[in-house]
Amino acid sequence: MASTVDTHIPERRRMPDRRIASHPARANRLGAADWIALTLLVVGGINWGLVGLFGTDLVAALFGDMSALSRAVYTLVGFSALYALYSASKLSRS
């Protein structure tokens, strides 16, 4: 008896998903904002370490005591810390 059902099943091609969540290796990569924040936090940490150990404020020594440039560095380090808190809370939810 001949079968009338087509037994050939075409191969389904799976298109790669372009979302980051589908690629665990890419989900853990740091973006440009993350690297900038990390760098500024390291600079701030080293500066505070020098203040605590030796009483030397490296940012003030390089850019002047509370000059516009040193205040900008301090402000950017503060924003970096806030960004790191935001990133950490976002990572803890995933």
PDB file of N, CA and C in Angstrom:
ATOM      1  N   MET A   1       0.842  -1.165   0.000  1.00  0.00           N
ATOM      2  CA  MET A   1       0.000   0.000   0.000  1.00  0.00           C
ATOM      3  C   MET A   1       0.891   1.233   0.000  1.00  0.00           C
ATOM      4  N   ALA A   2       0.615   2.130  -0.847  1.00  0.00           N
ATOM      5  CA  ALA A   2       1.422   3.333  -0.980  1.00  0.00           C
ATOM      6  C   ALA A   2       0.932   4.392  -0.007  1.00  0.00           C
ATOM      7  N   SER A   3       1.883   5.058   0.587  1.00  0.00           N
ATOM      8  CA  SER A   3       1.533   6.104   1.539  1.00  0.00           C
ATOM      9  C   SER A   3       1.320   7.401   0.797  1.00  0.00           C
ATOM     10  N   THR A   4       0.281   8.100   1.149  1.00  0.00           N
ATOM     11  CA  THR A   4      -0.005   9.384   0.514  1.00  0.00           C
ATOM     12  C   THR A   4       0.531  10.555   1.327  1.00  0.00           C
ATOM     13  N   VAL A   5       1.076  10.255   2.479  1.00  0.00           N
ATOM     14  CA  VAL A   5       1.616  11.312   3.338  1.00  0.00           C
ATOM     15  C   VAL A   5       3.052  11.595   2.922  1.00  0.00           C
ATOM     16  N   ASP A   6       3.377  12.865   2.792  1.00  0.00           N
ATOM     17  CA  ASP A   6       4.741  13.243   2.430  1.00  0.00           C
ATOM     18  C   ASP A   6       5.622  13.028   3.658  1.00  0.00           C
ATOM     19  N   THR A   7       6.535  12.098   3.561  1.00  0.00           N
ATOM     20  CA  THR A   7       7.385  11.775   4.702  1.00  0.00           C
ATOM     21  C   THR A   7       8.597  12.695   4.795  1.00  0.00           C
ATOM     22  N   HIS A   8       8.821  13.481   3.782  1.00  0.00           N
ATOM     23  CA  HIS A   8       9.959  14.394   3.787  1.00  0.00           C
ATOM     24  C   HIS A   8       9.622  15.624   4.625  1.00  0.00           C
ATOM     25  N   ILE A   9      10.402  15.853   5.659  1.00  0.00           N
ATOM     26  CA  ILE A   9      10.220  17.040   6.500  1.00  0.00           C
ATOM     27  C   ILE A   9      11.369  17.988   6.199  1.00  0.00           C
ATOM     28  N   PRO A  10      11.053  19.160   5.681  1.00  0.00           N
ATOM     29  CA  PRO A  10      12.140  20.091   5.356  1.00  0.00           C
ATOM     30  C   PRO A  10      12.856  20.536   6.636  1.00  0.00           C
ATOM     31  N   GLU A  11      14.143  20.717   6.499  1.00  0.00           N
ATOM     32  CA  GLU A  11      14.959  21.154   7.629  1.00  0.00           C
ATOM     33  C   GLU A  11      14.644  22.613   7.931  1.00  0.00           C
ATOM     34  N   ARG A  12      14.370  22.861   9.181  1.00  0.00           N
ATOM     35  CA  ARG A  12      14.105  24.240   9.576  1.00  0.00           C
ATOM     36  C   ARG A  12      15.414  24.912   9.935  1.00  0.00           C
ATOM     37  N   ARG A  13      15.627  26.036   9.349  1.00  0.00           N
ATOM     38  CA  ARG A  13      16.850  26.776   9.650  1.00  0.00           C
ATOM     39  C   ARG A  13      16.555  27.778  10.742  1.00  0.00           C
ATOM     40  N   ARG A  14      17.399  27.764  11.722  1.00  0.00           N
ATOM     41  CA  ARG A  14      17.226  28.651  12.856  1.00  0.00           C
ATOM     42  C   ARG A  14      18.073  29.893  12.635  1.00  0.00           C
ATOM     43  N   MET A  15      17.413  31.020  12.662  1.00  0.00           N
ATOM     44  CA  MET A  15      18.127  32.288  12.531  1.00  0.00           C
ATOM     45  C   MET A  15      18.729  32.631  13.895  1.00  0.00           C
ATOM     46  N   PRO A  16      19.973  33.044  13.926  1.00  0.00           N
ATOM     47  CA  PRO A  16      20.567  33.389  15.218  1.00  0.00           C
ATOM     48  C   PRO A  16      19.864  34.584  15.833  1.00  0.00           C
ATOM     49  N   ASP A  17      19.626  34.496  17.114  1.00  0.00           N
ATOM     50  CA  ASP A  17      18.971  35.568  17.832  1.00  0.00           C
ATOM     51  C   ASP A  17      19.979  36.680  18.066  1.00  0.00           C
ATOM     52  N   ARG A  18      19.622  37.879  17.747  1.00  0.00           N
ATOM     53  CA  ARG A  18      20.558  39.000  17.826  1.00  0.00           C
ATOM     54  C   ARG A  18      20.554  39.695  19.184  1.00  0.00           C
ATOM     55  N   ARG A  19      19.708  39.248  20.079  1.00  0.00           N
ATOM     56  CA  ARG A  19      19.648  39.899  21.384  1.00  0.00           C
ATOM     57  C   ARG A  19      20.846  39.499  22.230  1.00  0.00           C
ATOM     58  N   ILE A  20      21.295  40.426  23.064  1.00  0.00           N
ATOM     59  CA  ILE A  20      22.442  40.163  23.929  1.00  0.00           C
ATOM     60  C   ILE A  20      22.106  39.084  24.948  1.00  0.00           C
ATOM     61  N   ALA A  21      20.868  39.058  25.408  1.00  0.00           N
ATOM     62  CA  ALA A  21      20.492  38.100  26.446  1.00  0.00           C
ATOM     63  C   ALA A  21      20.656  36.660  25.973  1.00  0.00           C
ATOM     64  N   SER A  22      20.607  36.433  24.669  1.00  0.00           N
ATOM     65  CA  SER A  22      20.743  35.073  24.168  1.00  0.00           C
ATOM     66  C   SER A  22      22.202  34.628  24.121  1.00  0.00           C
ATOM     67  N   HIS A  23      23.121  35.551  24.264  1.00  0.00           N
ATOM     68  CA  HIS A  23      24.544  35.242  24.243  1.00  0.00           C
ATOM     69  C   HIS A  23      25.138  35.546  25.612  1.00  0.00           C
ATOM     70  N   PRO A  24      25.270  34.540  26.469  1.00  0.00           N
ATOM     71  CA  PRO A  24      25.767  34.809  27.821  1.00  0.00           C
ATOM     72  C   PRO A  24      27.150  35.437  27.846  1.00  0.00           C
ATOM     73  N   ALA A  25      28.000  35.097  26.893  1.00  0.00           N
ATOM     74  CA  ALA A  25      29.348  35.673  26.891  1.00  0.00           C
ATOM     75  C   ALA A  25      29.295  37.173  26.625  1.00  0.00           C
ATOM     76  N   ARG A  26      28.377  37.593  25.775  1.00  0.00           N
ATOM     77  CA  ARG A  26      28.259  39.020  25.475  1.00  0.00           C
ATOM     78  C   ARG A  26      27.571  39.780  26.583  1.00  0.00           C
ATOM     79  N   ALA A  27      26.706  39.123  27.340  1.00  0.00           N
ATOM     80  CA  ALA A  27      25.973  39.809  28.402  1.00  0.00           C
ATOM     81  C   ALA A  27      26.916  40.291  29.499  1.00  0.00           C
ATOM     82  N   ASN A  28      28.063  39.648  29.666  1.00  0.00           N
ATOM     83  CA  ASN A  28      28.992  40.013  30.723  1.00  0.00           C
ATOM     84  C   ASN A  28      30.051  41.006  30.277  1.00  0.00           C
ATOM     85  N   ARG A  29      30.028  41.430  29.042  1.00  0.00           N
ATOM     86  CA  ARG A  29      31.018  42.387  28.555  1.00  0.00           C
ATOM     87  C   ARG A  29      30.699  43.787  29.046  1.00  0.00           C
ATOM     88  N   LEU A  30      31.755  44.545  29.272  1.00  0.00           N
ATOM     89  CA  LEU A  30      31.587  45.919  29.728  1.00  0.00           C
ATOM     90  C   LEU A  30      31.537  46.862  28.529  1.00  0.00           C
ATOM     91  N   GLY A  31      30.660  47.829  28.612  1.00  0.00           N
ATOM     92  CA  GLY A  31      30.564  48.843  27.578  1.00  0.00           C
ATOM     93  C   GLY A  31      31.500  49.999  27.872  1.00  0.00           C
ATOM     94  N   ALA A  32      31.475  50.997  27.003  1.00  0.00           N
ATOM     95  CA  ALA A  32      32.364  52.152  27.154  1.00  0.00           C
ATOM     96  C   ALA A  32      32.084  52.906  28.445  1.00  0.00           C
ATOM     97  N   ALA A  33      30.797  53.114  28.771  1.00  0.00           N
ATOM     98  CA  ALA A  33      30.458  53.833  30.002  1.00  0.00           C
ATOM     99  C   ALA A  33      30.936  53.061  31.232  1.00  0.00           C
ATOM    100  N   ASP A  34      30.858  51.735  31.176  1.00  0.00           N
ATOM    101  CA  ASP A  34      31.326  50.914  32.293  1.00  0.00           C
ATOM    102  C   ASP A  34      32.836  51.064  32.496  1.00  0.00           C
ATOM    103  N   TRP A  35      33.590  51.065  31.396  1.00  0.00           N
ATOM    104  CA  TRP A  35      35.052  51.201  31.501  1.00  0.00           C
ATOM    105  C   TRP A  35      35.447  52.579  32.010  1.00  0.00           C
ATOM    106  N   ILE A  36      34.746  53.605  31.544  1.00  0.00           N
ATOM    107  CA  ILE A  36      35.044  54.967  32.007  1.00  0.00           C
ATOM    108  C   ILE A  36      34.763  55.079  33.501  1.00  0.00           C
ATOM    109  N   ALA A  37      33.603  54.569  33.927  1.00  0.00           N
ATOM    110  CA  ALA A  37      33.250  54.616  35.343  1.00  0.00           C
ATOM    111  C   ALA A  37      34.247  53.822  36.177  1.00  0.00           C
ATOM    112  N   LEU A  38      34.644  52.654  35.688  1.00  0.00           N
ATOM    113  CA  LEU A  38      35.606  51.831  36.420  1.00  0.00           C
ATOM    114  C   LEU A  38      36.953  52.536  36.554  1.00  0.00           C
ATOM    115  N   THR A  39      37.406  53.154  35.483  1.00  0.00           N
ATOM    116  CA  THR A  39      38.674  53.880  35.507  1.00  0.00           C
ATOM    117  C   THR A  39      38.632  55.049  36.497  1.00  0.00           C
ATOM    118  N   LEU A  40      37.539  55.808  36.466  1.00  0.00           N
ATOM    119  CA  LEU A  40      37.416  56.931  37.389  1.00  0.00           C
ATOM    120  C   LEU A  40      37.307  56.462  38.840  1.00  0.00           C
ATOM    121  N   LEU A  41      36.651  55.328  39.067  1.00  0.00           N
ATOM    122  CA  LEU A  41      36.568  54.806  40.429  1.00  0.00           C
ATOM    123  C   LEU A  41      37.929  54.339  40.933  1.00  0.00           C
ATOM    124  N   VAL A  42      38.739  53.779  40.043  1.00  0.00           N
ATOM    125  CA  VAL A  42      40.093  53.375  40.431  1.00  0.00           C
ATOM    126  C   VAL A  42      40.927  54.609  40.757  1.00  0.00           C
ATOM    127  N   VAL A  43      40.825  55.641  39.931  1.00  0.00           N
ATOM    128  CA  VAL A  43      41.548  56.888  40.201  1.00  0.00           C
ATOM    129  C   VAL A  43      41.111  57.468  41.547  1.00  0.00           C
ATOM    130  N   GLY A  44      39.810  57.487  41.800  1.00  0.00           N
ATOM    131  CA  GLY A  44      39.309  58.002  43.077  1.00  0.00           C
ATOM    132  C   GLY A  44      39.760  57.157  44.248  1.00  0.00           C
ATOM    133  N   GLY A  45      39.759  55.839  44.072  1.00  0.00           N
ATOM    134  CA  GLY A  45      40.209  54.958  45.146  1.00  0.00           C
ATOM    135  C   GLY A  45      41.683  55.123  45.463  1.00  0.00           C
ATOM    136  N   ILE A  46      42.494  55.243  44.422  1.00  0.00           N
ATOM    137  CA  ILE A  46      43.930  55.470  44.635  1.00  0.00           C
ATOM    138  C   ILE A  46      44.150  56.821  45.316  1.00  0.00           C
ATOM    139  N   ASN A  47      43.415  57.827  44.888  1.00  0.00           N
ATOM    140  CA  ASN A  47      43.555  59.150  45.493  1.00  0.00           C
ATOM    141  C   ASN A  47      43.189  59.102  46.978  1.00  0.00           C
ATOM    142  N   TRP A  48      42.083  58.455  47.329  1.00  0.00           N
ATOM    143  CA  TRP A  48      41.694  58.356  48.736  1.00  0.00           C
ATOM    144  C   TRP A  48      42.678  57.505  49.526  1.00  0.00           C
ATOM    145  N   GLY A  49      43.234  56.496  48.892  1.00  0.00           N
ATOM    146  CA  GLY A  49      44.271  55.707  49.562  1.00  0.00           C
ATOM    147  C   GLY A  49      45.493  56.548  49.890  1.00  0.00           C
ATOM    148  N   LEU A  50      45.887  57.404  48.950  1.00  0.00           N
ATOM    149  CA  LEU A  50      47.026  58.299  49.194  1.00  0.00           C
ATOM    150  C   LEU A  50      46.715  59.323  50.279  1.00  0.00           C
ATOM    151  N   VAL A  51      45.476  59.812  50.302  1.00  0.00           N
ATOM    152  CA  VAL A  51      45.078  60.760  51.345  1.00  0.00           C
ATOM    153  C   VAL A  51      45.123  60.069  52.707  1.00  0.00           C
ATOM    154  N   GLY A  52      44.610  58.857  52.778  1.00  0.00           N
ATOM    155  CA  GLY A  52      44.585  58.150  54.049  1.00  0.00           C
ATOM    156  C   GLY A  52      45.958  57.737  54.541  1.00  0.00           C
ATOM    157  N   LEU A  53      46.813  57.293  53.629  1.00  0.00           N
ATOM    158  CA  LEU A  53      48.126  56.801  54.036  1.00  0.00           C
ATOM    159  C   LEU A  53      49.152  57.910  54.247  1.00  0.00           C
ATOM    160  N   PHE A  54      49.160  58.859  53.322  1.00  0.00           N
ATOM    161  CA  PHE A  54      50.238  59.851  53.331  1.00  0.00           C
ATOM    162  C   PHE A  54      49.770  61.297  53.466  1.00  0.00           C
ATOM    163  N   GLY A  55      48.456  61.513  53.495  1.00  0.00           N
ATOM    164  CA  GLY A  55      47.952  62.886  53.580  1.00  0.00           C
ATOM    165  C   GLY A  55      48.184  63.669  52.301  1.00  0.00           C
ATOM    166  N   THR A  56      48.337  62.976  51.178  1.00  0.00           N
ATOM    167  CA  THR A  56      48.612  63.623  49.898  1.00  0.00           C
ATOM    168  C   THR A  56      47.414  63.459  48.967  1.00  0.00           C
ATOM    169  N   ASP A  57      46.873  64.581  48.518  1.00  0.00           N
ATOM    170  CA  ASP A  57      45.767  64.563  47.564  1.00  0.00           C
ATOM    171  C   ASP A  57      46.362  64.704  46.164  1.00  0.00           C
ATOM    172  N   LEU A  58      46.426  63.597  45.432  1.00  0.00           N
ATOM    173  CA  LEU A  58      47.078  63.578  44.119  1.00  0.00           C
ATOM    174  C   LEU A  58      46.346  64.453  43.109  1.00  0.00           C
ATOM    175  N   VAL A  59      45.024  64.439  43.145  1.00  0.00           N
ATOM    176  CA  VAL A  59      44.252  65.262  42.201  1.00  0.00           C
ATOM    177  C   VAL A  59      44.538  66.744  42.447  1.00  0.00           C
ATOM    178  N   ALA A  60      44.548  67.141  43.700  1.00  0.00           N
ATOM    179  CA  ALA A  60      44.854  68.546  44.021  1.00  0.00           C
ATOM    180  C   ALA A  60      46.291  68.888  43.661  1.00  0.00           C
ATOM    181  N   ALA A  61      47.208  67.947  43.841  1.00  0.00           N
ATOM    182  CA  ALA A  61      48.606  68.201  43.490  1.00  0.00           C
ATOM    183  C   ALA A  61      48.773  68.363  41.982  1.00  0.00           C
ATOM    184  N   LEU A  62      48.012  67.600  41.210  1.00  0.00           N
ATOM    185  CA  LEU A  62      48.135  67.676  39.749  1.00  0.00           C
ATOM    186  C   LEU A  62      47.403  68.866  39.148  1.00  0.00           C
ATOM    187  N   PHE A  63      46.201  69.154  39.654  1.00  0.00           N
ATOM    188  CA  PHE A  63      45.355  70.152  38.996  1.00  0.00           C
ATOM    189  C   PHE A  63      45.115  71.411  39.824  1.00  0.00           C
ATOM    190  N   GLY A  64      45.664  71.482  41.026  1.00  0.00           N
ATOM    191  CA  GLY A  64      45.464  72.650  41.872  1.00  0.00           C
ATOM    192  C   GLY A  64      44.399  72.386  42.920  1.00  0.00           C
ATOM    193  N   ASP A  65      44.582  73.011  44.066  1.00  0.00           N
ATOM    194  CA  ASP A  65      43.661  72.803  45.182  1.00  0.00           C
ATOM    195  C   ASP A  65      42.311  73.434  44.863  1.00  0.00           C
ATOM    196  N   MET A  66      41.322  72.612  44.663  1.00  0.00           N
ATOM    197  CA  MET A  66      39.943  72.992  44.347  1.00  0.00           C
ATOM    198  C   MET A  66      39.838  73.907  43.120  1.00  0.00           C
ATOM    199  N   SER A  67      40.690  73.678  42.137  1.00  0.00           N
ATOM    200  CA  SER A  67      40.555  74.390  40.863  1.00  0.00           C
ATOM    201  C   SER A  67      39.363  73.804  40.114  1.00  0.00           C
ATOM    202  N   ALA A  68      39.009  74.432  39.021  1.00  0.00           N
ATOM    203  CA  ALA A  68      37.871  73.961  38.245  1.00  0.00           C
ATOM    204  C   ALA A  68      38.115  72.547  37.716  1.00  0.00           C
ATOM    205  N   LEU A  69      39.343  72.259  37.330  1.00  0.00           N
ATOM    206  CA  LEU A  69      39.650  70.931  36.796  1.00  0.00           C
ATOM    207  C   LEU A  69      39.623  69.855  37.887  1.00  0.00           C
ATOM    208  N   SER A  70      40.156  70.177  39.058  1.00  0.00           N
ATOM    209  CA  SER A  70      40.124  69.187  40.143  1.00  0.00           C
ATOM    210  C   SER A  70      38.695  68.953  40.618  1.00  0.00           C
ATOM    211  N   ARG A  71      37.884  69.996  40.651  1.00  0.00           N
ATOM    212  CA  ARG A  71      36.469  69.821  41.016  1.00  0.00           C
ATOM    213  C   ARG A  71      35.745  68.973  39.983  1.00  0.00           C
ATOM    214  N   ALA A  72      36.108  69.133  38.704  1.00  0.00           N
ATOM    215  CA  ALA A  72      35.503  68.310  37.655  1.00  0.00           C
ATOM    216  C   ALA A  72      35.882  66.838  37.840  1.00  0.00           C
ATOM    217  N   VAL A  73      37.135  66.570  38.202  1.00  0.00           N
ATOM    218  CA  VAL A  73      37.565  65.186  38.445  1.00  0.00           C
ATOM    219  C   VAL A  73      36.798  64.607  39.620  1.00  0.00           C
ATOM    220  N   TYR A  74      36.693  65.365  40.717  1.00  0.00           N
ATOM    221  CA  TYR A  74      35.951  64.886  41.882  1.00  0.00           C
ATOM    222  C   TYR A  74      34.487  64.615  41.532  1.00  0.00           C
ATOM    223  N   THR A  75      33.883  65.493  40.732  1.00  0.00           N
ATOM    224  CA  THR A  75      32.485  65.324  40.324  1.00  0.00           C
ATOM    225  C   THR A  75      32.317  64.090  39.455  1.00  0.00           C
ATOM    226  N   LEU A  76      33.233  63.884  38.519  1.00  0.00           N
ATOM    227  CA  LEU A  76      33.145  62.701  37.657  1.00  0.00           C
ATOM    228  C   LEU A  76      33.330  61.405  38.449  1.00  0.00           C
ATOM    229  N   VAL A  77      34.203  61.414  39.437  1.00  0.00           N
ATOM    230  CA  VAL A  77      34.375  60.233  40.289  1.00  0.00           C
ATOM    231  C   VAL A  77      33.081  59.963  41.061  1.00  0.00           C
ATOM    232  N   GLY A  78      32.433  61.006  41.541  1.00  0.00           N
ATOM    233  CA  GLY A  78      31.152  60.851  42.243  1.00  0.00           C
ATOM    234  C   GLY A  78      30.074  60.296  41.343  1.00  0.00           C
ATOM    235  N   PHE A  79      29.980  60.806  40.110  1.00  0.00           N
ATOM    236  CA  PHE A  79      29.002  60.275  39.158  1.00  0.00           C
ATOM    237  C   PHE A  79      29.317  58.823  38.802  1.00  0.00           C
ATOM    238  N   SER A  80      30.595  58.507  38.736  1.00  0.00           N
ATOM    239  CA  SER A  80      30.992  57.128  38.448  1.00  0.00           C
ATOM    240  C   SER A  80      30.533  56.187  39.558  1.00  0.00           C
ATOM    241  N   ALA A  81      30.635  56.640  40.789  1.00  0.00           N
ATOM    242  CA  ALA A  81      30.178  55.823  41.914  1.00  0.00           C
ATOM    243  C   ALA A  81      28.667  55.605  41.839  1.00  0.00           C
ATOM    244  N   LEU A  82      27.916  56.640  41.493  1.00  0.00           N
ATOM    245  CA  LEU A  82      26.464  56.485  41.336  1.00  0.00           C
ATOM    246  C   LEU A  82      26.133  55.544  40.189  1.00  0.00           C
ATOM    247  N   TYR A  83      26.862  55.657  39.096  1.00  0.00           N
ATOM    248  CA  TYR A  83      26.655  54.765  37.958  1.00  0.00           C
ATOM    249  C   TYR A  83      26.972  53.315  38.337  1.00  0.00           C
ATOM    250  N   ALA A  84      28.018  53.125  39.147  1.00  0.00           N
ATOM    251  CA  ALA A  84      28.373  51.773  39.586  1.00  0.00           C
ATOM    252  C   ALA A  84      27.272  51.193  40.472  1.00  0.00           C
ATOM    253  N   LEU A  85      26.676  52.011  41.317  1.00  0.00           N
ATOM    254  CA  LEU A  85      25.544  51.545  42.121  1.00  0.00           C
ATOM    255  C   LEU A  85      24.371  51.140  41.241  1.00  0.00           C
ATOM    256  N   TYR A  86      24.083  51.958  40.229  1.00  0.00           N
ATOM    257  CA  TYR A  86      23.002  51.649  39.293  1.00  0.00           C
ATOM    258  C   TYR A  86      23.296  50.348  38.557  1.00  0.00           C
ATOM    259  N   SER A  87      24.518  50.183  38.081  1.00  0.00           N
ATOM    260  CA  SER A  87      24.894  48.968  37.350  1.00  0.00           C
ATOM    261  C   SER A  87      24.824  47.735  38.252  1.00  0.00           C
ATOM    262  N   ALA A  88      25.262  47.876  39.485  1.00  0.00           N
ATOM    263  CA  ALA A  88      25.215  46.750  40.411  1.00  0.00           C
ATOM    264  C   ALA A  88      23.776  46.349  40.714  1.00  0.00           C
ATOM    265  N   SER A  89      22.879  47.325  40.863  1.00  0.00           N
ATOM    266  CA  SER A  89      21.487  46.974  41.116  1.00  0.00           C
ATOM    267  C   SER A  89      20.854  46.322  39.892  1.00  0.00           C
ATOM    268  N   LYS A  90      21.265  46.766  38.704  1.00  0.00           N
ATOM    269  CA  LYS A  90      20.751  46.161  37.476  1.00  0.00           C
ATOM    270  C   LYS A  90      21.253  44.738  37.323  1.00  0.00           C
ATOM    271  N   LEU A  91      22.512  44.487  37.670  1.00  0.00           N
ATOM    272  CA  LEU A  91      23.066  43.145  37.591  1.00  0.00           C
ATOM    273  C   LEU A  91      22.446  42.207  38.619  1.00  0.00           C
ATOM    274  N   SER A  92      22.115  42.729  39.791  1.00  0.00           N
ATOM    275  CA  SER A  92      21.547  41.876  40.830  1.00  0.00           C
ATOM    276  C   SER A  92      20.145  41.414  40.478  1.00  0.00           C
ATOM    277  N   ARG A  93      19.438  42.147  39.615  1.00  0.00           N
ATOM    278  CA  ARG A  93      18.098  41.749  39.192  1.00  0.00           C
ATOM    279  C   ARG A  93      18.119  40.668  38.125  1.00  0.00           C
ATOM    280  N   SER A  94      19.230  40.543  37.415  1.00  0.00           N
ATOM    281  CA  SER A  94      19.262  39.561  36.322  1.00  0.00           C
ATOM    282  C   SER A  94      19.730  38.202  36.784  1.00  0.00           C
TER     283      SER A  94
END
